[in-house]
């Protein structure tokens, strides 16, 4: 049964598009900042899947290099984002996207 099914790059691209769509809908609908950061990470991983798929299909390593830099940006985004979330949580015991204006100096 598995020998009949061969996974083509289009399956991976559809999966990447589906993951990106789920992440973007979650980002627009939810107001909790932790869930919003998880949706952004889901979107970044969907883009990474697309880059790796194209790199594999085209036999080029450039897509994998871009994925490496995307992962570095995602790690920096998480570090800064969590610091902002903790700063908001210390002032109020609630963490929603509406509380970002509390950080104005």
N, C-alpha and C. Protein backbone atom coordinates (compact mmCIF):
# COMPACT_ATOMS: atom_id res chain seq x y z
N UNK A 1 0.82 -1.19 0.00
CA UNK A 1 0.00 0.00 0.00
C UNK A 1 0.87 1.26 0.00
N UNK A 2 1.92 1.28 0.81
CA UNK A 2 2.79 2.46 0.86
C UNK A 2 3.62 2.63 -0.39
N UNK A 3 3.90 1.53 -1.09
CA UNK A 3 4.69 1.63 -2.30
C UNK A 3 3.91 2.33 -3.41
N UNK A 4 2.59 2.26 -3.34
CA UNK A 4 1.76 2.89 -4.36
C UNK A 4 1.72 4.40 -4.16
N UNK A 5 1.68 4.83 -2.92
CA UNK A 5 1.58 6.25 -2.60
C UNK A 5 2.96 6.88 -2.60
N UNK A 6 3.18 7.78 -3.52
CA UNK A 6 4.45 8.51 -3.52
C UNK A 6 4.15 9.98 -3.21
N UNK A 7 4.88 10.51 -2.27
CA UNK A 7 4.66 11.89 -1.86
C UNK A 7 5.40 12.83 -2.80
N UNK A 8 4.65 13.66 -3.46
CA UNK A 8 5.23 14.65 -4.36
C UNK A 8 5.36 15.98 -3.60
N UNK A 9 6.11 16.91 -4.12
CA UNK A 9 6.24 18.21 -3.44
C UNK A 9 4.91 18.94 -3.27
N UNK A 10 3.94 18.65 -4.10
CA UNK A 10 2.66 19.36 -3.98
C UNK A 10 1.96 19.03 -2.65
N UNK A 11 2.15 17.81 -2.14
CA UNK A 11 1.58 17.47 -0.84
C UNK A 11 2.17 18.34 0.26
N UNK A 12 3.46 18.53 0.22
CA UNK A 12 4.12 19.35 1.23
C UNK A 12 3.73 20.83 1.09
N UNK A 13 3.55 21.29 -0.14
CA UNK A 13 3.14 22.68 -0.35
C UNK A 13 1.72 22.92 0.13
N UNK A 14 0.85 21.95 -0.09
CA UNK A 14 -0.53 22.08 0.41
C UNK A 14 -0.53 22.07 1.94
N UNK A 15 0.27 21.19 2.55
CA UNK A 15 0.38 21.16 4.00
C UNK A 15 0.91 22.48 4.54
N UNK A 16 1.92 23.04 3.87
CA UNK A 16 2.46 24.33 4.29
C UNK A 16 1.43 25.44 4.18
N UNK A 17 0.65 25.43 3.10
CA UNK A 17 -0.40 26.44 2.93
C UNK A 17 -1.48 26.29 3.99
N UNK A 18 -1.82 25.04 4.32
CA UNK A 18 -2.83 24.79 5.35
C UNK A 18 -2.33 25.26 6.72
N UNK A 19 -1.08 24.95 7.06
CA UNK A 19 -0.52 25.40 8.33
C UNK A 19 -0.44 26.92 8.40
N UNK A 20 -0.06 27.57 7.29
CA UNK A 20 0.02 29.03 7.27
C UNK A 20 -1.36 29.64 7.44
N UNK A 21 -2.37 29.04 6.83
CA UNK A 21 -3.73 29.55 6.95
C UNK A 21 -4.24 29.41 8.38
N UNK A 22 -3.97 28.27 9.01
CA UNK A 22 -4.38 28.07 10.40
C UNK A 22 -3.69 29.10 11.30
N UNK A 23 -2.40 29.35 11.07
CA UNK A 23 -1.67 30.32 11.86
C UNK A 23 -2.18 31.74 11.67
N UNK A 24 -2.48 32.12 10.43
CA UNK A 24 -2.95 33.49 10.19
C UNK A 24 -4.36 33.71 10.74
N UNK A 25 -5.23 32.70 10.63
CA UNK A 25 -6.56 32.83 11.22
C UNK A 25 -6.46 32.90 12.74
N UNK A 26 -5.62 32.08 13.33
CA UNK A 26 -5.43 32.13 14.78
C UNK A 26 -4.86 33.45 15.24
N UNK A 27 -3.99 34.04 14.45
CA UNK A 27 -3.41 35.33 14.80
C UNK A 27 -4.45 36.44 14.76
N UNK A 28 -5.33 36.37 13.80
CA UNK A 28 -6.34 37.42 13.66
C UNK A 28 -7.50 37.26 14.64
N UNK A 29 -7.79 36.04 15.06
CA UNK A 29 -8.96 35.80 15.89
C UNK A 29 -8.65 35.89 17.37
N UNK A 30 -7.55 35.36 17.81
CA UNK A 30 -7.25 35.27 19.23
C UNK A 30 -6.65 36.57 19.76
N UNK A 31 -6.90 36.86 21.03
CA UNK A 31 -6.37 38.07 21.65
C UNK A 31 -5.30 37.78 22.69
N UNK A 32 -5.13 36.53 23.08
CA UNK A 32 -4.10 36.16 24.04
C UNK A 32 -2.74 36.21 23.35
N UNK A 33 -1.80 36.91 23.95
CA UNK A 33 -0.51 37.10 23.28
C UNK A 33 0.29 35.81 23.17
N UNK A 34 0.16 34.91 24.12
CA UNK A 34 0.88 33.64 24.00
C UNK A 34 0.37 32.82 22.82
N UNK A 35 -0.94 32.81 22.64
CA UNK A 35 -1.51 32.09 21.50
C UNK A 35 -1.12 32.79 20.19
N UNK A 36 -1.04 34.11 20.23
CA UNK A 36 -0.62 34.84 19.04
C UNK A 36 0.81 34.50 18.66
N UNK A 37 1.69 34.39 19.66
CA UNK A 37 3.07 34.01 19.36
C UNK A 37 3.16 32.58 18.82
N UNK A 38 2.33 31.69 19.35
CA UNK A 38 2.32 30.32 18.81
C UNK A 38 1.83 30.30 17.37
N UNK A 39 0.87 31.15 17.05
CA UNK A 39 0.38 31.23 15.67
C UNK A 39 1.45 31.79 14.73
N UNK A 40 2.22 32.75 15.21
CA UNK A 40 3.32 33.29 14.40
C UNK A 40 4.37 32.22 14.17
N UNK A 41 4.67 31.44 15.20
CA UNK A 41 5.64 30.35 15.04
C UNK A 41 5.12 29.30 14.06
N UNK A 42 3.82 29.02 14.10
CA UNK A 42 3.23 28.08 13.15
C UNK A 42 3.35 28.60 11.73
N UNK A 43 3.15 29.89 11.54
CA UNK A 43 3.29 30.48 10.21
C UNK A 43 4.74 30.42 9.74
N UNK A 44 5.68 30.69 10.62
CA UNK A 44 7.10 30.62 10.24
C UNK A 44 7.50 29.18 9.88
N UNK A 45 6.98 28.21 10.62
CA UNK A 45 7.30 26.83 10.30
C UNK A 45 6.65 26.38 9.00
N UNK A 46 5.49 26.92 8.66
CA UNK A 46 4.87 26.62 7.37
C UNK A 46 5.72 27.17 6.23
N UNK A 47 6.26 28.35 6.42
CA UNK A 47 7.15 28.92 5.40
C UNK A 47 8.43 28.11 5.30
N UNK A 48 8.95 27.65 6.44
CA UNK A 48 10.14 26.81 6.43
C UNK A 48 9.89 25.51 5.67
N UNK A 49 8.72 24.91 5.85
CA UNK A 49 8.38 23.70 5.12
C UNK A 49 8.34 23.96 3.62
N UNK A 50 7.83 25.11 3.24
CA UNK A 50 7.79 25.46 1.81
C UNK A 50 9.19 25.65 1.26
N UNK A 51 10.05 26.34 2.00
CA UNK A 51 11.44 26.53 1.55
C UNK A 51 12.17 25.20 1.40
N UNK A 52 11.99 24.31 2.37
CA UNK A 52 12.68 23.02 2.30
C UNK A 52 12.13 22.18 1.14
N UNK A 53 10.84 22.28 0.89
CA UNK A 53 10.25 21.54 -0.23
C UNK A 53 10.82 22.01 -1.56
N UNK A 54 10.88 23.32 -1.74
CA UNK A 54 11.46 23.84 -2.99
C UNK A 54 12.95 23.53 -3.09
N UNK A 55 13.66 23.59 -1.98
CA UNK A 55 15.09 23.27 -2.01
C UNK A 55 15.30 21.82 -2.41
N UNK A 56 14.45 20.94 -1.92
CA UNK A 56 14.58 19.52 -2.27
C UNK A 56 14.17 19.28 -3.72
N UNK A 57 13.11 19.94 -4.18
CA UNK A 57 12.64 19.74 -5.55
C UNK A 57 13.62 20.30 -6.58
N UNK A 58 14.29 21.38 -6.25
CA UNK A 58 15.21 22.03 -7.19
C UNK A 58 16.66 21.61 -6.99
N UNK A 59 16.92 20.73 -6.02
CA UNK A 59 18.28 20.29 -5.69
C UNK A 59 19.20 21.48 -5.43
N UNK A 60 18.70 22.41 -4.64
CA UNK A 60 19.45 23.62 -4.29
C UNK A 60 19.46 23.74 -2.78
N UNK A 61 20.59 24.16 -2.24
CA UNK A 61 20.70 24.27 -0.79
C UNK A 61 20.30 25.66 -0.29
N UNK A 62 20.01 26.56 -1.20
CA UNK A 62 19.65 27.93 -0.81
C UNK A 62 18.42 28.01 0.07
N UNK A 63 17.43 27.16 -0.19
CA UNK A 63 16.23 27.16 0.63
C UNK A 63 16.50 26.73 2.04
N UNK A 64 17.41 25.79 2.21
CA UNK A 64 17.75 25.33 3.55
C UNK A 64 18.55 26.38 4.32
N UNK A 65 19.33 27.17 3.61
CA UNK A 65 20.06 28.27 4.26
C UNK A 65 19.07 29.33 4.74
N UNK A 66 18.06 29.61 3.93
CA UNK A 66 17.04 30.58 4.33
C UNK A 66 16.27 30.07 5.55
N UNK A 67 16.02 28.76 5.60
CA UNK A 67 15.34 28.17 6.77
C UNK A 67 16.18 28.37 8.02
N UNK A 68 17.48 28.23 7.91
CA UNK A 68 18.35 28.45 9.06
C UNK A 68 18.21 29.87 9.59
N UNK A 69 18.22 30.85 8.70
CA UNK A 69 18.08 32.25 9.13
C UNK A 69 16.67 32.53 9.67
N UNK A 70 15.67 31.88 9.10
CA UNK A 70 14.31 32.04 9.61
C UNK A 70 14.19 31.50 11.03
N UNK A 71 14.85 30.38 11.31
CA UNK A 71 14.83 29.82 12.66
C UNK A 71 15.55 30.74 13.65
N UNK A 72 16.61 31.39 13.20
CA UNK A 72 17.32 32.34 14.07
C UNK A 72 16.43 33.53 14.39
N UNK A 73 15.72 34.05 13.38
CA UNK A 73 14.80 35.16 13.60
C UNK A 73 13.66 34.74 14.52
N UNK A 74 13.16 33.52 14.35
CA UNK A 74 12.08 33.02 15.21
C UNK A 74 12.53 32.91 16.65
N UNK A 75 13.75 32.46 16.87
CA UNK A 75 14.27 32.35 18.23
C UNK A 75 14.41 33.74 18.87
N UNK A 76 14.90 34.71 18.11
CA UNK A 76 15.01 36.07 18.63
C UNK A 76 13.64 36.66 18.91
N UNK A 77 12.68 36.38 18.05
CA UNK A 77 11.33 36.87 18.23
C UNK A 77 10.70 36.31 19.49
N UNK A 78 10.94 35.05 19.76
CA UNK A 78 10.40 34.43 20.96
C UNK A 78 11.04 35.03 22.21
N UNK A 79 12.33 35.26 22.18
CA UNK A 79 13.01 35.83 23.35
C UNK A 79 12.50 37.23 23.66
N UNK A 80 12.39 38.07 22.66
CA UNK A 80 11.91 39.43 22.87
C UNK A 80 10.42 39.43 23.21
N UNK A 81 9.66 38.60 22.51
CA UNK A 81 8.22 38.54 22.76
C UNK A 81 7.89 38.07 24.15
N UNK A 82 8.57 37.05 24.63
CA UNK A 82 8.30 36.57 25.98
C UNK A 82 8.72 37.60 27.03
N UNK A 83 9.77 38.35 26.76
CA UNK A 83 10.16 39.43 27.69
C UNK A 83 9.07 40.49 27.77
N UNK A 84 8.47 40.82 26.64
CA UNK A 84 7.38 41.81 26.63
C UNK A 84 6.16 41.25 27.36
N UNK A 85 5.86 39.99 27.13
CA UNK A 85 4.70 39.37 27.79
C UNK A 85 4.90 39.34 29.31
N UNK A 86 6.10 39.03 29.76
CA UNK A 86 6.38 39.02 31.20
C UNK A 86 6.27 40.42 31.78
N UNK A 87 6.73 41.43 31.03
CA UNK A 87 6.62 42.81 31.51
C UNK A 87 5.16 43.22 31.64
N UNK A 88 4.32 42.80 30.73
CA UNK A 88 2.89 43.12 30.83
C UNK A 88 2.26 42.35 31.98
N UNK A 89 2.64 41.09 32.13
CA UNK A 89 2.04 40.25 33.17
C UNK A 89 2.40 40.74 34.56
N UNK A 90 3.56 41.35 34.73
CA UNK A 90 3.95 41.86 36.05
C UNK A 90 3.13 43.07 36.45
N UNK A 91 2.72 43.87 35.46
CA UNK A 91 1.90 45.04 35.78
C UNK A 91 0.45 44.66 36.02
N UNK A 92 -0.06 43.77 35.19
CA UNK A 92 -1.44 43.28 35.33
C UNK A 92 -1.38 41.77 35.29
N UNK A 93 -2.30 41.14 35.91
CA UNK A 93 -2.32 39.68 35.92
C UNK A 93 -3.06 39.12 34.71
N UNK A 94 -3.08 39.87 33.65
CA UNK A 94 -3.76 39.49 32.43
C UNK A 94 -2.83 39.75 31.26
N UNK A 95 -2.83 38.87 30.29
CA UNK A 95 -1.96 39.05 29.13
C UNK A 95 -2.80 38.97 27.87
N UNK A 96 -3.30 40.13 27.42
CA UNK A 96 -4.01 40.19 26.16
C UNK A 96 -3.33 41.22 25.27
N UNK A 97 -3.66 41.19 24.01
CA UNK A 97 -3.04 42.12 23.07
C UNK A 97 -3.49 43.56 23.32
N UNK A 98 -4.59 43.73 24.01
CA UNK A 98 -5.07 45.08 24.31
C UNK A 98 -4.24 45.76 25.40
N UNK A 99 -3.45 44.99 26.13
CA UNK A 99 -2.65 45.54 27.23
C UNK A 99 -1.28 46.04 26.77
N UNK A 100 -0.99 46.02 25.50
CA UNK A 100 0.32 46.45 25.01
C UNK A 100 0.53 47.94 25.25
N UNK A 101 -0.52 48.71 25.26
CA UNK A 101 -0.37 50.16 25.46
C UNK A 101 0.10 50.51 26.87
N UNK A 102 0.12 49.55 27.78
CA UNK A 102 0.64 49.80 29.12
C UNK A 102 2.15 50.03 29.13
N UNK A 103 2.83 49.61 28.10
CA UNK A 103 4.28 49.72 28.07
C UNK A 103 4.76 51.09 27.57
N UNK A 104 3.85 51.99 27.25
CA UNK A 104 4.25 53.32 26.83
C UNK A 104 4.92 54.06 27.98
N UNK A 105 6.01 54.73 27.66
CA UNK A 105 6.80 55.37 28.70
C UNK A 105 6.20 56.64 29.12
